[in-house]
Amino acid sequence: MVIAIAVIGEEKERLLAELGVRDSKLLTPSRREVVRAQMEKLLDFYSLRVVEPREIDEAVSRGGLNLLEAKVICELVRRALEKTPLGVVYVDSPDPKPERFGSLLSQMLGGSVRVVARNGADRDFAIVAAASILAKTERDRLVEQLKRLYGDFGSGYPSDPRTREFAEKWLREHGEPPPFARKSWSTWSSLRKKESLERFLV
């Protein structure tokens, strides 16, 4: 998982729309890369944090993936505050109750900045869309690196048939998830159940 922060002054924010900045899911991979290159010259500050699979597994085992995301977001905000002043931070909330996630962030940041958390914030705020483009392009690059090592596993999302096919084959051949995958991914348990059932039926 990749989380990003992007910072821009109000006087330049309108320029993001002119660059074609919008929800990263609405842009093709090649277009995202073009927009990212242009954004990097425009933004006052940006930073990325790759969250490793082991961190996610630990968070899930403790029942707090949202808390992990909050900690990483606060880490990025503090990193930004060292370089540039921030008046307000807009956040795409992973919590279906964004006010709860926003309150958590405000508390963790000690009220140093105003936090606006919203579901689908990358559709509502250009600066959040900019951060989503940074995160998505970084993830795409990491995925391509991993494919060179492990073969084509598709997008890495459970809805992708190629990803599920790769996961099923890997599990059958190695008995455990690949080192780059989070073990808490629910798809692994469903694939294990499927394999056990197939063996039983055979």
Protein backbone atom coordinates (compact mmCIF):
# COMPACT_ATOMS: atom_id res chain seq x y z
CA MET A 1 0.00 0.00 0.00
CA VAL A 2 1.25 3.48 -0.85
CA ILE A 3 0.07 6.65 0.90
CA ALA A 4 1.02 10.11 -0.35
CA ILE A 5 0.76 13.74 0.68
CA ALA A 6 0.70 16.70 -1.73
CA VAL A 7 0.91 20.36 -0.71
CA ILE A 8 0.12 23.43 -2.79
CA GLY A 9 -0.69 27.08 -2.09
CA GLU A 10 -4.24 28.32 -2.69
CA GLU A 11 -3.03 30.66 -5.42
CA LYS A 12 -1.76 27.72 -7.47
CA GLU A 13 -4.43 25.14 -6.73
CA ARG A 14 -6.49 26.02 -9.82
CA LEU A 15 -3.50 25.01 -11.96
CA LEU A 16 -3.95 21.40 -10.89
CA ALA A 17 -7.21 21.18 -12.83
CA GLU A 18 -5.51 22.69 -15.86
CA LEU A 19 -2.95 19.86 -15.72
CA GLY A 20 -5.77 17.33 -15.81
CA VAL A 21 -5.47 16.32 -12.16
CA ARG A 22 -8.44 14.24 -11.06
CA ASP A 23 -9.21 10.95 -9.30
CA SER A 24 -6.34 8.63 -10.27
CA LYS A 25 -8.79 5.81 -11.08
CA LEU A 26 -10.17 7.91 -13.94
CA LEU A 27 -6.76 8.21 -15.65
CA THR A 28 -4.86 5.61 -17.65
CA PRO A 29 -1.47 4.50 -16.26
CA SER A 30 0.42 6.40 -18.97
CA ARG A 31 -1.64 9.56 -18.40
CA ARG A 32 -1.05 9.33 -14.65
CA GLU A 33 2.70 9.31 -15.26
CA VAL A 34 2.50 12.37 -17.52
CA VAL A 35 0.39 14.26 -14.98
CA ARG A 36 2.70 13.24 -12.12
CA ALA A 37 5.76 14.61 -13.93
CA GLN A 38 3.99 17.95 -14.40
CA MET A 39 2.65 18.02 -10.84
CA GLU A 40 6.06 17.45 -9.30
CA LYS A 41 7.20 20.79 -10.75
CA LEU A 42 4.10 22.59 -9.45
CA LEU A 43 3.62 21.24 -5.93
CA ASP A 44 5.16 23.05 -2.96
CA PHE A 45 5.87 19.70 -1.31
CA TYR A 46 5.05 16.04 -1.74
CA SER A 47 6.10 12.82 -0.07
CA LEU A 48 5.24 9.13 -0.27
CA ARG A 49 5.28 6.27 2.18
CA VAL A 50 5.26 2.62 1.14
CA VAL A 51 3.48 0.55 3.79
CA GLU A 52 5.06 -2.90 3.83
CA PRO A 53 2.94 -6.10 3.89
CA ARG A 54 4.21 -7.04 7.38
CA GLU A 55 2.95 -3.68 8.72
CA ILE A 56 -0.49 -4.35 7.27
CA ASP A 57 -0.56 -7.91 8.64
CA GLU A 58 0.36 -6.65 12.12
CA ALA A 59 -2.32 -3.96 11.95
CA VAL A 60 -4.99 -6.42 10.77
CA SER A 61 -4.10 -8.87 13.55
CA ARG A 62 -4.74 -6.09 16.03
CA GLY A 63 -7.95 -5.05 14.28
CA GLY A 64 -6.69 -1.62 13.31
CA LEU A 65 -5.91 -1.07 9.63
CA ASN A 66 -7.53 2.36 9.82
CA LEU A 67 -5.29 3.20 12.77
CA LEU A 68 -2.23 2.22 10.72
CA GLU A 69 -3.36 4.49 7.89
CA ALA A 70 -3.94 7.31 10.38
CA LYS A 71 -0.41 6.88 11.78
CA VAL A 72 1.13 6.98 8.30
CA ILE A 73 -0.91 10.03 7.31
CA CYS A 74 0.23 11.83 10.47
CA GLU A 75 3.82 10.85 9.69
CA LEU A 76 3.48 12.44 6.26
CA VAL A 77 1.78 15.57 7.63
CA ARG A 78 4.58 16.07 10.16
CA ARG A 79 7.11 15.59 7.38
CA ALA A 80 5.34 18.29 5.38
CA LEU A 81 5.16 20.66 8.35
CA GLU A 82 8.95 20.54 8.60
CA LYS A 83 9.15 21.99 5.10
CA THR A 84 6.13 24.22 4.61
CA PRO A 85 3.23 25.72 6.60
CA LEU A 86 -0.12 23.94 6.39
CA GLY A 87 -3.47 25.57 7.05
CA VAL A 88 -5.74 22.61 6.36
CA VAL A 89 -5.24 18.95 5.46
CA TYR A 90 -7.79 17.21 3.23
CA VAL A 91 -7.94 13.45 3.64
CA ASP A 92 -9.65 10.63 1.75
CA SER A 93 -11.12 8.71 4.69
CA PRO A 94 -10.88 4.89 4.75
CA ASP A 95 -13.50 4.95 7.52
CA PRO A 96 -17.14 4.99 6.32
CA LYS A 97 -17.66 7.60 9.04
CA PRO A 98 -15.16 10.26 7.88
CA GLU A 99 -15.82 12.55 10.82
CA ARG A 100 -14.57 9.79 13.13
CA PHE A 101 -11.37 9.37 11.09
CA GLY A 102 -10.88 13.13 10.92
CA SER A 103 -11.28 13.41 14.68
CA LEU A 104 -8.69 10.67 15.18
CA LEU A 105 -6.20 12.49 12.94
CA SER A 106 -6.80 15.82 14.69
CA GLN A 107 -6.19 14.19 18.03
CA MET A 108 -3.01 12.44 16.84
CA LEU A 109 -1.71 15.70 15.33
CA GLY A 110 -2.43 17.61 18.51
CA GLY A 111 -4.59 20.14 16.70
CA SER A 112 -1.60 21.53 14.80
CA VAL A 113 -3.63 21.69 11.57
CA ARG A 114 -7.30 21.64 10.61
CA VAL A 115 -8.31 18.25 9.20
CA VAL A 116 -11.12 17.73 6.68
CA ALA A 117 -11.80 14.02 6.13
CA ARG A 118 -14.26 12.86 3.52
CA ASN A 119 -15.12 9.65 1.67
CA GLY A 120 -14.23 10.10 -2.01
CA ALA A 121 -12.15 13.19 -1.25
CA ASP A 122 -10.07 12.53 -4.39
CA ARG A 123 -13.21 13.38 -6.38
CA ASP A 124 -13.97 16.53 -4.39
CA PHE A 125 -10.55 18.12 -3.90
CA ALA A 126 -7.89 18.54 -6.59
CA ILE A 127 -5.06 18.36 -4.05
CA VAL A 128 -6.31 14.98 -2.78
CA ALA A 129 -6.54 13.79 -6.38
CA ALA A 130 -2.91 14.91 -6.80
CA ALA A 131 -1.89 12.80 -3.81
CA SER A 132 -3.84 9.83 -5.19
CA ILE A 133 -1.97 10.13 -8.51
CA LEU A 134 1.36 10.14 -6.67
CA ALA A 135 0.36 7.06 -4.67
CA LYS A 136 -1.08 5.19 -7.65
CA THR A 137 1.89 5.82 -9.95
CA GLU A 138 4.28 4.72 -7.18
CA ARG A 139 2.26 1.54 -6.69
CA ASP A 140 2.28 0.90 -10.45
CA ARG A 141 6.06 1.23 -10.52
CA LEU A 142 6.48 -1.15 -7.60
CA VAL A 143 4.13 -3.67 -9.20
CA GLU A 144 6.18 -3.64 -12.41
CA GLN A 145 9.37 -4.26 -10.42
CA LEU A 146 7.76 -7.21 -8.65
CA LYS A 147 6.51 -8.65 -11.93
CA ARG A 148 10.06 -8.76 -13.24
CA LEU A 149 10.96 -10.92 -10.23
CA TYR A 150 7.85 -13.08 -9.83
CA GLY A 151 6.05 -13.04 -13.16
CA ASP A 152 2.84 -11.37 -14.27
CA PHE A 153 0.30 -11.40 -11.43
CA GLY A 154 -2.01 -8.80 -12.94
CA SER A 155 -3.05 -5.73 -11.00
CA GLY A 156 -2.72 -7.30 -7.55
CA TYR A 157 -6.38 -6.58 -6.77
CA PRO A 158 -8.68 -9.52 -5.81
CA SER A 159 -11.21 -8.59 -8.51
CA ASP A 160 -8.56 -9.27 -11.19
CA PRO A 161 -8.88 -12.85 -12.60
CA ARG A 162 -5.16 -12.88 -13.47
CA THR A 163 -4.26 -12.00 -9.89
CA ARG A 164 -6.47 -14.77 -8.50
CA GLU A 165 -5.03 -17.25 -11.01
CA PHE A 166 -1.48 -16.30 -10.01
CA ALA A 167 -2.34 -16.53 -6.29
CA GLU A 168 -3.96 -19.94 -6.70
CA LYS A 169 -0.98 -21.32 -8.63
CA TRP A 170 1.54 -19.84 -6.21
CA LEU A 171 -0.28 -21.26 -3.19
CA ARG A 172 -0.49 -24.68 -4.83
CA GLU A 173 3.23 -24.72 -5.65
CA HIS A 174 4.67 -23.02 -2.54
CA GLY A 175 2.11 -23.62 0.18
CA GLU A 176 2.26 -20.01 1.40
CA PRO A 177 1.80 -16.50 -0.03
CA PRO A 178 4.71 -14.86 -1.90
CA PRO A 179 7.00 -12.63 0.19
CA PHE A 180 5.65 -9.43 -1.37
CA ALA A 181 2.03 -10.19 -0.42
CA ARG A 182 0.22 -9.53 2.81
CA LYS A 183 -0.72 -12.78 4.49
CA SER A 184 -3.87 -11.25 5.98
CA TRP A 185 -5.39 -10.87 2.48
CA SER A 186 -8.73 -12.70 2.74
CA THR A 187 -8.25 -14.22 -0.74
CA TRP A 188 -5.54 -16.52 0.64
CA SER A 189 -7.92 -18.16 3.12
CA SER A 190 -10.63 -18.58 0.47
CA LEU A 191 -8.11 -20.17 -1.91
CA ARG A 192 -6.91 -22.55 0.83
CA LYS A 193 -10.50 -23.61 1.49
CA LYS A 194 -11.04 -24.16 -2.22
CA GLU A 195 -7.87 -26.25 -2.51
CA SER A 196 -8.82 -28.33 0.55
CA LEU A 197 -12.29 -28.95 -0.89
CA GLU A 198 -10.86 -30.00 -4.25
CA ARG A 199 -8.51 -32.46 -2.57
CA PHE A 200 -11.40 -33.85 -0.52
CA LEU A 201 -13.54 -34.30 -3.63
CA VAL A 202 -10.68 -36.01 -5.50
